[in-house]
């Protein structure tokens, strides 16, 4: 579980990132969750955009992605989800305590 200070830090780090995945009318599926998990292992912090064509609500999509990839939901702003998961191999981000 992330503290407020850690979430603020991660939001500032994610500000300049561009979304690397899009959730469309297919919604969240196993393949997308697998790819998000792999991207999180490499990058630790990613953005995912939810397209207008997505039939599922944005809150449900954000929760599904976070739970499916065992990641922390840092932020859901508009239709953009920010996810964080500490890498097992190479830590890139040093979170404040």
PDB file of N, CA and C in Angstrom:
ATOM      1  N   UNK A   1       0.842  -1.190   0.000  1.00  0.00           N
ATOM      2  CA  UNK A   1       0.000   0.000   0.000  1.00  0.00           C
ATOM      3  C   UNK A   1       0.883   1.248   0.000  1.00  0.00           C
ATOM      4  N   UNK A   2       0.591   2.157  -0.898  1.00  0.00           N
ATOM      5  CA  UNK A   2       1.373   3.382  -1.023  1.00  0.00           C
ATOM      6  C   UNK A   2       0.847   4.462  -0.089  1.00  0.00           C
ATOM      7  N   UNK A   3       1.760   5.249   0.444  1.00  0.00           N
ATOM      8  CA  UNK A   3       1.368   6.392   1.265  1.00  0.00           C
ATOM      9  C   UNK A   3       1.019   7.564   0.350  1.00  0.00           C
ATOM     10  N   UNK A   4       0.417   8.602   0.923  1.00  0.00           N
ATOM     11  CA  UNK A   4       0.076   9.792   0.147  1.00  0.00           C
ATOM     12  C   UNK A   4       1.311  10.453  -0.446  1.00  0.00           C
ATOM     13  N   UNK A   5       2.371  10.486   0.335  1.00  0.00           N
ATOM     14  CA  UNK A   5       3.628  11.093  -0.126  1.00  0.00           C
ATOM     15  C   UNK A   5       4.189  10.316  -1.321  1.00  0.00           C
ATOM     16  N   UNK A   6       4.129   8.986  -1.246  1.00  0.00           N
ATOM     17  CA  UNK A   6       4.630   8.155  -2.345  1.00  0.00           C
ATOM     18  C   UNK A   6       3.767   8.336  -3.592  1.00  0.00           C
ATOM     19  N   UNK A   7       2.446   8.418  -3.423  1.00  0.00           N
ATOM     20  CA  UNK A   7       1.564   8.627  -4.574  1.00  0.00           C
ATOM     21  C   UNK A   7       1.830   9.975  -5.230  1.00  0.00           C
ATOM     22  N   UNK A   8       2.047  11.002  -4.433  1.00  0.00           N
ATOM     23  CA  UNK A   8       2.365  12.326  -4.994  1.00  0.00           C
ATOM     24  C   UNK A   8       3.659  12.254  -5.808  1.00  0.00           C
ATOM     25  N   UNK A   9       4.660  11.569  -5.257  1.00  0.00           N
ATOM     26  CA  UNK A   9       5.937  11.405  -5.958  1.00  0.00           C
ATOM     27  C   UNK A   9       5.726  10.684  -7.294  1.00  0.00           C
ATOM     28  N   UNK A  10       4.966   9.589  -7.267  1.00  0.00           N
ATOM     29  CA  UNK A  10       4.729   8.809  -8.486  1.00  0.00           C
ATOM     30  C   UNK A  10       3.915   9.597  -9.510  1.00  0.00           C
ATOM     31  N   UNK A  11       2.946  10.390  -9.047  1.00  0.00           N
ATOM     32  CA  UNK A  11       2.172  11.221  -9.978  1.00  0.00           C
ATOM     33  C   UNK A  11       3.076  12.226 -10.673  1.00  0.00           C
ATOM     34  N   UNK A  12       4.018  12.806  -9.923  1.00  0.00           N
ATOM     35  CA  UNK A  12       4.935  13.772 -10.541  1.00  0.00           C
ATOM     36  C   UNK A  12       5.860  13.081 -11.540  1.00  0.00           C
ATOM     37  N   UNK A  13       6.280  11.856 -11.222  1.00  0.00           N
ATOM     38  CA  UNK A  13       7.139  11.095 -12.143  1.00  0.00           C
ATOM     39  C   UNK A  13       6.365  10.692 -13.408  1.00  0.00           C
ATOM     40  N   UNK A  14       5.072  10.424 -13.262  1.00  0.00           N
ATOM     41  CA  UNK A  14       4.259   9.951 -14.394  1.00  0.00           C
ATOM     42  C   UNK A  14       3.772  11.086 -15.279  1.00  0.00           C
ATOM     43  N   UNK A  15       3.897  12.310 -14.803  1.00  0.00           N
ATOM     44  CA  UNK A  15       3.335  13.449 -15.531  1.00  0.00           C
ATOM     45  C   UNK A  15       3.800  13.513 -16.987  1.00  0.00           C
ATOM     46  N   UNK A  16       5.072  13.287 -17.228  1.00  0.00           N
ATOM     47  CA  UNK A  16       5.623  13.418 -18.584  1.00  0.00           C
ATOM     48  C   UNK A  16       5.459  12.152 -19.432  1.00  0.00           C
ATOM     49  N   UNK A  17       4.987  11.065 -18.843  1.00  0.00           N
ATOM     50  CA  UNK A  17       4.839   9.816 -19.588  1.00  0.00           C
ATOM     51  C   UNK A  17       3.658   9.877 -20.549  1.00  0.00           C
ATOM     52  N   UNK A  18       3.786   9.145 -21.652  1.00  0.00           N
ATOM     53  CA  UNK A  18       2.650   8.997 -22.554  1.00  0.00           C
ATOM     54  C   UNK A  18       2.071   7.600 -22.350  1.00  0.00           C
ATOM     55  N   UNK A  19       0.751   7.448 -22.529  1.00  0.00           N
ATOM     56  CA  UNK A  19       0.144   6.122 -22.358  1.00  0.00           C
ATOM     57  C   UNK A  19       0.725   5.111 -23.342  1.00  0.00           C
ATOM     58  N   UNK A  20       1.050   3.915 -22.844  1.00  0.00           N
ATOM     59  CA  UNK A  20       1.615   2.899 -23.735  1.00  0.00           C
ATOM     60  C   UNK A  20       0.597   1.813 -24.081  1.00  0.00           C
ATOM     61  N   UNK A  21      -0.554   1.821 -23.413  1.00  0.00           N
ATOM     62  CA  UNK A  21      -1.637   0.888 -23.741  1.00  0.00           C
ATOM     63  C   UNK A  21      -2.937   1.655 -23.849  1.00  0.00           C
ATOM     64  N   UNK A  22      -3.863   1.101 -24.653  1.00  0.00           N
ATOM     65  CA  UNK A  22      -5.201   1.666 -24.773  1.00  0.00           C
ATOM     66  C   UNK A  22      -6.207   0.557 -24.529  1.00  0.00           C
ATOM     67  N   UNK A  23      -7.250   0.884 -23.765  1.00  0.00           N
ATOM     68  CA  UNK A  23      -8.331  -0.065 -23.534  1.00  0.00           C
ATOM     69  C   UNK A  23      -9.505   0.414 -24.369  1.00  0.00           C
ATOM     70  N   UNK A  24      -9.899  -0.410 -25.343  1.00  0.00           N
ATOM     71  CA  UNK A  24     -10.979  -0.041 -26.256  1.00  0.00           C
ATOM     72  C   UNK A  24     -12.218  -0.852 -26.009  1.00  0.00           C
ATOM     73  N   UNK A  25     -12.969  -1.118 -27.098  1.00  0.00           N
ATOM     74  CA  UNK A  25     -14.243  -1.811 -26.940  1.00  0.00           C
ATOM     75  C   UNK A  25     -14.074  -3.259 -26.488  1.00  0.00           C
ATOM     76  N   UNK A  26     -12.881  -3.821 -26.642  1.00  0.00           N
ATOM     77  CA  UNK A  26     -12.624  -5.179 -26.154  1.00  0.00           C
ATOM     78  C   UNK A  26     -12.541  -5.249 -24.641  1.00  0.00           C
ATOM     79  N   UNK A  27     -12.323  -4.098 -24.003  1.00  0.00           N
ATOM     80  CA  UNK A  27     -12.225  -4.062 -22.545  1.00  0.00           C
ATOM     81  C   UNK A  27     -10.930  -4.677 -22.044  1.00  0.00           C
ATOM     82  N   UNK A  28     -10.935  -5.046 -20.779  1.00  0.00           N
ATOM     83  CA  UNK A  28      -9.749  -5.645 -20.157  1.00  0.00           C
ATOM     84  C   UNK A  28      -9.825  -7.158 -20.340  1.00  0.00           C
ATOM     85  N   UNK A  29      -8.785  -7.732 -20.957  1.00  0.00           N
ATOM     86  CA  UNK A  29      -8.745  -9.187 -21.129  1.00  0.00           C
ATOM     87  C   UNK A  29      -7.414  -9.724 -20.596  1.00  0.00           C
ATOM     88  N   UNK A  30      -7.288 -11.038 -20.572  1.00  0.00           N
ATOM     89  CA  UNK A  30      -6.092 -11.669 -20.013  1.00  0.00           C
ATOM     90  C   UNK A  30      -4.813 -11.246 -20.729  1.00  0.00           C
ATOM     91  N   UNK A  31      -4.892 -11.114 -22.048  1.00  0.00           N
ATOM     92  CA  UNK A  31      -3.718 -10.733 -22.829  1.00  0.00           C
ATOM     93  C   UNK A  31      -3.253  -9.321 -22.457  1.00  0.00           C
ATOM     94  N   UNK A  32      -4.198  -8.395 -22.314  1.00  0.00           N
ATOM     95  CA  UNK A  32      -3.854  -7.022 -21.938  1.00  0.00           C
ATOM     96  C   UNK A  32      -3.224  -7.001 -20.548  1.00  0.00           C
ATOM     97  N   UNK A  33      -3.803  -7.738 -19.610  1.00  0.00           N
ATOM     98  CA  UNK A  33      -3.263  -7.784 -18.248  1.00  0.00           C
ATOM     99  C   UNK A  33      -1.847  -8.346 -18.254  1.00  0.00           C
ATOM    100  N   UNK A  34      -1.604  -9.378 -19.063  1.00  0.00           N
ATOM    101  CA  UNK A  34      -0.275  -9.980 -19.162  1.00  0.00           C
ATOM    102  C   UNK A  34       0.733  -8.955 -19.696  1.00  0.00           C
ATOM    103  N   UNK A  35       0.352  -8.227 -20.734  1.00  0.00           N
ATOM    104  CA  UNK A  35       1.243  -7.224 -21.323  1.00  0.00           C
ATOM    105  C   UNK A  35       1.500  -6.064 -20.372  1.00  0.00           C
ATOM    106  N   UNK A  36       0.470  -5.642 -19.638  1.00  0.00           N
ATOM    107  CA  UNK A  36       0.636  -4.567 -18.653  1.00  0.00           C
ATOM    108  C   UNK A  36       1.593  -5.022 -17.558  1.00  0.00           C
ATOM    109  N   UNK A  37       1.450  -6.266 -17.108  1.00  0.00           N
ATOM    110  CA  UNK A  37       2.349  -6.812 -16.088  1.00  0.00           C
ATOM    111  C   UNK A  37       3.794  -6.834 -16.548  1.00  0.00           C
ATOM    112  N   UNK A  38       4.010  -7.243 -17.804  1.00  0.00           N
ATOM    113  CA  UNK A  38       5.371  -7.279 -18.351  1.00  0.00           C
ATOM    114  C   UNK A  38       5.954  -5.873 -18.479  1.00  0.00           C
ATOM    115  N   UNK A  39       5.133  -4.924 -18.907  1.00  0.00           N
ATOM    116  CA  UNK A  39       5.605  -3.542 -19.044  1.00  0.00           C
ATOM    117  C   UNK A  39       5.940  -2.949 -17.678  1.00  0.00           C
ATOM    118  N   UNK A  40       5.146  -3.283 -16.666  1.00  0.00           N
ATOM    119  CA  UNK A  40       5.409  -2.788 -15.318  1.00  0.00           C
ATOM    120  C   UNK A  40       6.709  -3.360 -14.767  1.00  0.00           C
ATOM    121  N   UNK A  41       7.029  -4.601 -15.104  1.00  0.00           N
ATOM    122  CA  UNK A  41       8.273  -5.211 -14.631  1.00  0.00           C
ATOM    123  C   UNK A  41       9.481  -4.463 -15.195  1.00  0.00           C
ATOM    124  N   UNK A  42       9.357  -3.983 -16.421  1.00  0.00           N
ATOM    125  CA  UNK A  42      10.461  -3.272 -17.067  1.00  0.00           C
ATOM    126  C   UNK A  42      10.490  -1.796 -16.655  1.00  0.00           C
ATOM    127  N   UNK A  43       9.324  -1.148 -16.631  1.00  0.00           N
ATOM    128  CA  UNK A  43       9.283   0.305 -16.438  1.00  0.00           C
ATOM    129  C   UNK A  43       8.903   0.745 -15.030  1.00  0.00           C
ATOM    130  N   UNK A  44       8.204  -0.073 -14.293  1.00  0.00           N
ATOM    131  CA  UNK A  44       7.689   0.192 -12.939  1.00  0.00           C
ATOM    132  C   UNK A  44       6.512   1.165 -12.903  1.00  0.00           C
ATOM    133  N   UNK A  45       6.482   2.155 -13.778  1.00  0.00           N
ATOM    134  CA  UNK A  45       5.424   3.164 -13.773  1.00  0.00           C
ATOM    135  C   UNK A  45       4.930   3.357 -15.197  1.00  0.00           C
ATOM    136  N   UNK A  46       3.627   3.139 -15.425  1.00  0.00           N
ATOM    137  CA  UNK A  46       3.079   3.286 -16.780  1.00  0.00           C
ATOM    138  C   UNK A  46       1.744   4.009 -16.736  1.00  0.00           C
ATOM    139  N   UNK A  47       1.371   4.511 -17.916  1.00  0.00           N
ATOM    140  CA  UNK A  47       0.056   5.104 -18.114  1.00  0.00           C
ATOM    141  C   UNK A  47      -0.710   4.252 -19.115  1.00  0.00           C
ATOM    142  N   UNK A  48      -2.021   4.124 -18.876  1.00  0.00           N
ATOM    143  CA  UNK A  48      -2.912   3.417 -19.786  1.00  0.00           C
ATOM    144  C   UNK A  48      -4.085   4.337 -20.073  1.00  0.00           C
ATOM    145  N   UNK A  49      -4.430   4.514 -21.342  1.00  0.00           N
ATOM    146  CA  UNK A  49      -5.582   5.359 -21.661  1.00  0.00           C
ATOM    147  C   UNK A  49      -6.795   4.483 -21.956  1.00  0.00           C
ATOM    148  N   UNK A  50      -7.947   4.989 -21.549  1.00  0.00           N
ATOM    149  CA  UNK A  50      -9.212   4.293 -21.763  1.00  0.00           C
ATOM    150  C   UNK A  50      -9.954   5.051 -22.855  1.00  0.00           C
ATOM    151  N   UNK A  51     -10.219   4.371 -23.955  1.00  0.00           N
ATOM    152  CA  UNK A  51     -10.874   5.021 -25.090  1.00  0.00           C
ATOM    153  C   UNK A  51     -12.370   5.179 -24.828  1.00  0.00           C
ATOM    154  N   UNK A  52     -12.987   6.112 -25.570  1.00  0.00           N
ATOM    155  CA  UNK A  52     -14.429   6.345 -25.433  1.00  0.00           C
ATOM    156  C   UNK A  52     -15.241   5.124 -25.834  1.00  0.00           C
ATOM    157  N   UNK A  53     -14.672   4.265 -26.671  1.00  0.00           N
ATOM    158  CA  UNK A  53     -15.399   3.083 -27.151  1.00  0.00           C
ATOM    159  C   UNK A  53     -15.478   1.967 -26.109  1.00  0.00           C
ATOM    160  N   UNK A  54     -14.747   2.113 -25.015  1.00  0.00           N
ATOM    161  CA  UNK A  54     -14.738   1.088 -23.972  1.00  0.00           C
ATOM    162  C   UNK A  54     -16.093   1.070 -23.262  1.00  0.00           C
ATOM    163  N   UNK A  55     -16.750  -0.096 -23.283  1.00  0.00           N
ATOM    164  CA  UNK A  55     -18.085  -0.223 -22.694  1.00  0.00           C
ATOM    165  C   UNK A  55     -18.030  -0.273 -21.171  1.00  0.00           C
ATOM    166  N   UNK A  56     -16.912  -0.717 -20.620  1.00  0.00           N
ATOM    167  CA  UNK A  56     -16.754  -0.835 -19.174  1.00  0.00           C
ATOM    168  C   UNK A  56     -16.447   0.538 -18.576  1.00  0.00           C
ATOM    169  N   UNK A  57     -16.913   0.782 -17.371  1.00  0.00           N
ATOM    170  CA  UNK A  57     -16.644   2.046 -16.694  1.00  0.00           C
ATOM    171  C   UNK A  57     -15.167   2.215 -16.398  1.00  0.00           C
ATOM    172  N   UNK A  58     -14.712   3.468 -16.370  1.00  0.00           N
ATOM    173  CA  UNK A  58     -13.280   3.718 -16.185  1.00  0.00           C
ATOM    174  C   UNK A  58     -12.778   3.255 -14.823  1.00  0.00           C
ATOM    175  N   UNK A  59     -13.604   3.346 -13.789  1.00  0.00           N
ATOM    176  CA  UNK A  59     -13.186   2.881 -12.465  1.00  0.00           C
ATOM    177  C   UNK A  59     -12.993   1.370 -12.446  1.00  0.00           C
ATOM    178  N   UNK A  60     -13.901   0.654 -13.123  1.00  0.00           N
ATOM    179  CA  UNK A  60     -13.791  -0.809 -13.208  1.00  0.00           C
ATOM    180  C   UNK A  60     -12.550  -1.219 -13.987  1.00  0.00           C
ATOM    181  N   UNK A  61     -12.267  -0.513 -15.075  1.00  0.00           N
ATOM    182  CA  UNK A  61     -11.087  -0.813 -15.891  1.00  0.00           C
ATOM    183  C   UNK A  61      -9.822  -0.610 -15.051  1.00  0.00           C
ATOM    184  N   UNK A  62      -9.748   0.512 -14.335  1.00  0.00           N
ATOM    185  CA  UNK A  62      -8.579   0.811 -13.512  1.00  0.00           C
ATOM    186  C   UNK A  62      -8.377  -0.272 -12.449  1.00  0.00           C
ATOM    187  N   UNK A  63      -9.458  -0.670 -11.764  1.00  0.00           N
ATOM    188  CA  UNK A  63      -9.370  -1.708 -10.739  1.00  0.00           C
ATOM    189  C   UNK A  63      -8.951  -3.051 -11.342  1.00  0.00           C
ATOM    190  N   UNK A  64      -9.524  -3.403 -12.483  1.00  0.00           N
ATOM    191  CA  UNK A  64      -9.196  -4.673 -13.138  1.00  0.00           C
ATOM    192  C   UNK A  64      -7.725  -4.740 -13.524  1.00  0.00           C
ATOM    193  N   UNK A  65      -7.207  -3.638 -14.080  1.00  0.00           N
ATOM    194  CA  UNK A  65      -5.801  -3.607 -14.477  1.00  0.00           C
ATOM    195  C   UNK A  65      -4.890  -3.708 -13.265  1.00  0.00           C
ATOM    196  N   UNK A  66      -5.215  -2.972 -12.207  1.00  0.00           N
ATOM    197  CA  UNK A  66      -4.383  -2.981 -11.001  1.00  0.00           C
ATOM    198  C   UNK A  66      -4.389  -4.357 -10.341  1.00  0.00           C
ATOM    199  N   UNK A  67      -5.574  -4.943 -10.174  1.00  0.00           N
ATOM    200  CA  UNK A  67      -5.664  -6.251  -9.519  1.00  0.00           C
ATOM    201  C   UNK A  67      -5.053  -7.353 -10.376  1.00  0.00           C
ATOM    202  N   UNK A  68      -5.323  -7.311 -11.682  1.00  0.00           N
ATOM    203  CA  UNK A  68      -4.823  -8.346 -12.573  1.00  0.00           C
ATOM    204  C   UNK A  68      -3.309  -8.384 -12.671  1.00  0.00           C
ATOM    205  N   UNK A  69      -2.683  -7.215 -12.593  1.00  0.00           N
ATOM    206  CA  UNK A  69      -1.224  -7.145 -12.718  1.00  0.00           C
ATOM    207  C   UNK A  69      -0.537  -7.002 -11.356  1.00  0.00           C
ATOM    208  N   UNK A  70      -1.303  -7.107 -10.272  1.00  0.00           N
ATOM    209  CA  UNK A  70      -0.779  -6.950  -8.903  1.00  0.00           C
ATOM    210  C   UNK A  70      -0.046  -5.626  -8.738  1.00  0.00           C
ATOM    211  N   UNK A  71      -0.595  -4.574  -9.317  1.00  0.00           N
ATOM    212  CA  UNK A  71       0.028  -3.249  -9.270  1.00  0.00           C
ATOM    213  C   UNK A  71      -0.781  -2.325  -8.367  1.00  0.00           C
ATOM    214  N   UNK A  72      -0.182  -1.195  -8.056  1.00  0.00           N
ATOM    215  CA  UNK A  72      -0.855  -0.159  -7.274  1.00  0.00           C
ATOM    216  C   UNK A  72      -1.473   0.853  -8.232  1.00  0.00           C
ATOM    217  N   UNK A  73      -2.721   1.202  -7.988  1.00  0.00           N
ATOM    218  CA  UNK A  73      -3.375   2.253  -8.757  1.00  0.00           C
ATOM    219  C   UNK A  73      -2.939   3.584  -8.161  1.00  0.00           C
ATOM    220  N   UNK A  74      -2.112   4.305  -8.906  1.00  0.00           N
ATOM    221  CA  UNK A  74      -1.583   5.584  -8.414  1.00  0.00           C
ATOM    222  C   UNK A  74      -2.600   6.685  -8.649  1.00  0.00           C
ATOM    223  N   UNK A  75      -3.190   6.697  -9.848  1.00  0.00           N
ATOM    224  CA  UNK A  75      -4.081   7.791 -10.201  1.00  0.00           C
ATOM    225  C   UNK A  75      -5.001   7.377 -11.335  1.00  0.00           C
ATOM    226  N   UNK A  76      -6.222   7.881 -11.275  1.00  0.00           N
ATOM    227  CA  UNK A  76      -7.160   7.780 -12.387  1.00  0.00           C
ATOM    228  C   UNK A  76      -7.636   9.196 -12.633  1.00  0.00           C
ATOM    229  N   UNK A  77      -7.138   9.791 -13.694  1.00  0.00           N
ATOM    230  CA  UNK A  77      -7.505  11.171 -13.988  1.00  0.00           C
ATOM    231  C   UNK A  77      -8.073  11.218 -15.400  1.00  0.00           C
ATOM    232  N   UNK A  78      -9.305  11.638 -15.501  1.00  0.00           N
ATOM    233  CA  UNK A  78      -9.993  11.599 -16.784  1.00  0.00           C
ATOM    234  C   UNK A  78     -10.120  10.155 -17.237  1.00  0.00           C
ATOM    235  N   UNK A  79      -9.563   9.861 -18.397  1.00  0.00           N
ATOM    236  CA  UNK A  79      -9.592   8.494 -18.900  1.00  0.00           C
ATOM    237  C   UNK A  79      -8.182   7.915 -18.967  1.00  0.00           C
ATOM    238  N   UNK A  80      -7.317   8.381 -18.083  1.00  0.00           N
ATOM    239  CA  UNK A  80      -5.940   7.905 -18.025  1.00  0.00           C
ATOM    240  C   UNK A  80      -5.668   7.281 -16.659  1.00  0.00           C
ATOM    241  N   UNK A  81      -5.117   6.066 -16.696  1.00  0.00           N
ATOM    242  CA  UNK A  81      -4.800   5.319 -15.483  1.00  0.00           C
ATOM    243  C   UNK A  81      -3.289   5.299 -15.311  1.00  0.00           C
ATOM    244  N   UNK A  82      -2.818   5.568 -14.094  1.00  0.00           N
ATOM    245  CA  UNK A  82      -1.389   5.477 -13.785  1.00  0.00           C
ATOM    246  C   UNK A  82      -1.203   4.304 -12.828  1.00  0.00           C
ATOM    247  N   UNK A  83      -0.346   3.354 -13.225  1.00  0.00           N
ATOM    248  CA  UNK A  83      -0.093   2.156 -12.428  1.00  0.00           C
ATOM    249  C   UNK A  83       1.377   2.074 -12.034  1.00  0.00           C
ATOM    250  N   UNK A  84       1.620   1.540 -10.837  1.00  0.00           N
ATOM    251  CA  UNK A  84       2.990   1.353 -10.353  1.00  0.00           C
ATOM    252  C   UNK A  84       3.135  -0.047  -9.770  1.00  0.00           C
ATOM    253  N   UNK A  85       4.260  -0.663 -10.090  1.00  0.00           N
ATOM    254  CA  UNK A  85       4.609  -1.947  -9.484  1.00  0.00           C
ATOM    255  C   UNK A  85       6.129  -2.009  -9.392  1.00  0.00           C
ATOM    256  N   UNK A  86       6.625  -2.286  -8.195  1.00  0.00           N
ATOM    257  CA  UNK A  86       8.067  -2.367  -7.995  1.00  0.00           C
ATOM    258  C   UNK A  86       8.631  -3.543  -8.781  1.00  0.00           C
ATOM    259  N   UNK A  87       9.701  -3.301  -9.506  1.00  0.00           N
ATOM    260  CA  UNK A  87      10.340  -4.340 -10.315  1.00  0.00           C
ATOM    261  C   UNK A  87      11.116  -5.313  -9.432  1.00  0.00           C
ATOM    262  N   UNK A  88      11.050  -6.584  -9.775  1.00  0.00           N
ATOM    263  CA  UNK A  88      11.813  -7.598  -9.034  1.00  0.00           C
ATOM    264  C   UNK A  88      13.283  -7.577  -9.453  1.00  0.00           C
ATOM    265  N   UNK A  89      13.540  -7.286 -10.719  1.00  0.00           N
ATOM    266  CA  UNK A  89      14.890  -7.358 -11.281  1.00  0.00           C
ATOM    267  C   UNK A  89      15.687  -6.072 -11.051  1.00  0.00           C
ATOM    268  N   UNK A  90      15.159  -4.971 -11.585  1.00  0.00           N
ATOM    269  CA  UNK A  90      15.916  -3.720 -11.538  1.00  0.00           C
ATOM    270  C   UNK A  90      15.009  -2.597 -11.058  1.00  0.00           C
ATOM    271  N   UNK A  91      15.301  -2.084  -9.880  1.00  0.00           N
ATOM    272  CA  UNK A  91      14.519  -0.966  -9.360  1.00  0.00           C
ATOM    273  C   UNK A  91      14.970   0.317 -10.031  1.00  0.00           C
ATOM    274  N   UNK A  92      14.013   1.033 -10.594  1.00  0.00           N
ATOM    275  CA  UNK A  92      14.324   2.291 -11.255  1.00  0.00           C
ATOM    276  C   UNK A  92      13.944   3.478 -10.393  1.00  0.00           C
ATOM    277  N   UNK A  93      12.840   3.352  -9.658  1.00  0.00           N
ATOM    278  CA  UNK A  93      12.344   4.461  -8.865  1.00  0.00           C
ATOM    279  C   UNK A  93      12.609   4.211  -7.384  1.00  0.00           C
ATOM    280  N   UNK A  94      13.105   5.217  -6.711  1.00  0.00           N
ATOM    281  CA  UNK A  94      13.314   5.135  -5.265  1.00  0.00           C
ATOM    282  C   UNK A  94      12.213   5.944  -4.598  1.00  0.00           C
ATOM    283  N   UNK A  95      11.284   5.256  -3.955  1.00  0.00           N
ATOM    284  CA  UNK A  95      10.146   5.936  -3.342  1.00  0.00           C
ATOM    285  C   UNK A  95      10.551   6.617  -2.041  1.00  0.00           C
ATOM    286  N   UNK A  96       9.950   7.787  -1.765  1.00  0.00           N
ATOM    287  CA  UNK A  96      10.199   8.440  -0.465  1.00  0.00           C
ATOM    288  C   UNK A  96       9.537   7.631   0.647  1.00  0.00           C
ATOM    289  N   UNK A  97      10.039   7.766   1.859  1.00  0.00           N
ATOM    290  CA  UNK A  97       9.489   7.000   2.979  1.00  0.00           C
ATOM    291  C   UNK A  97       8.410   7.762   3.694  1.00  0.00           C
TER     292      UNK A  97
END
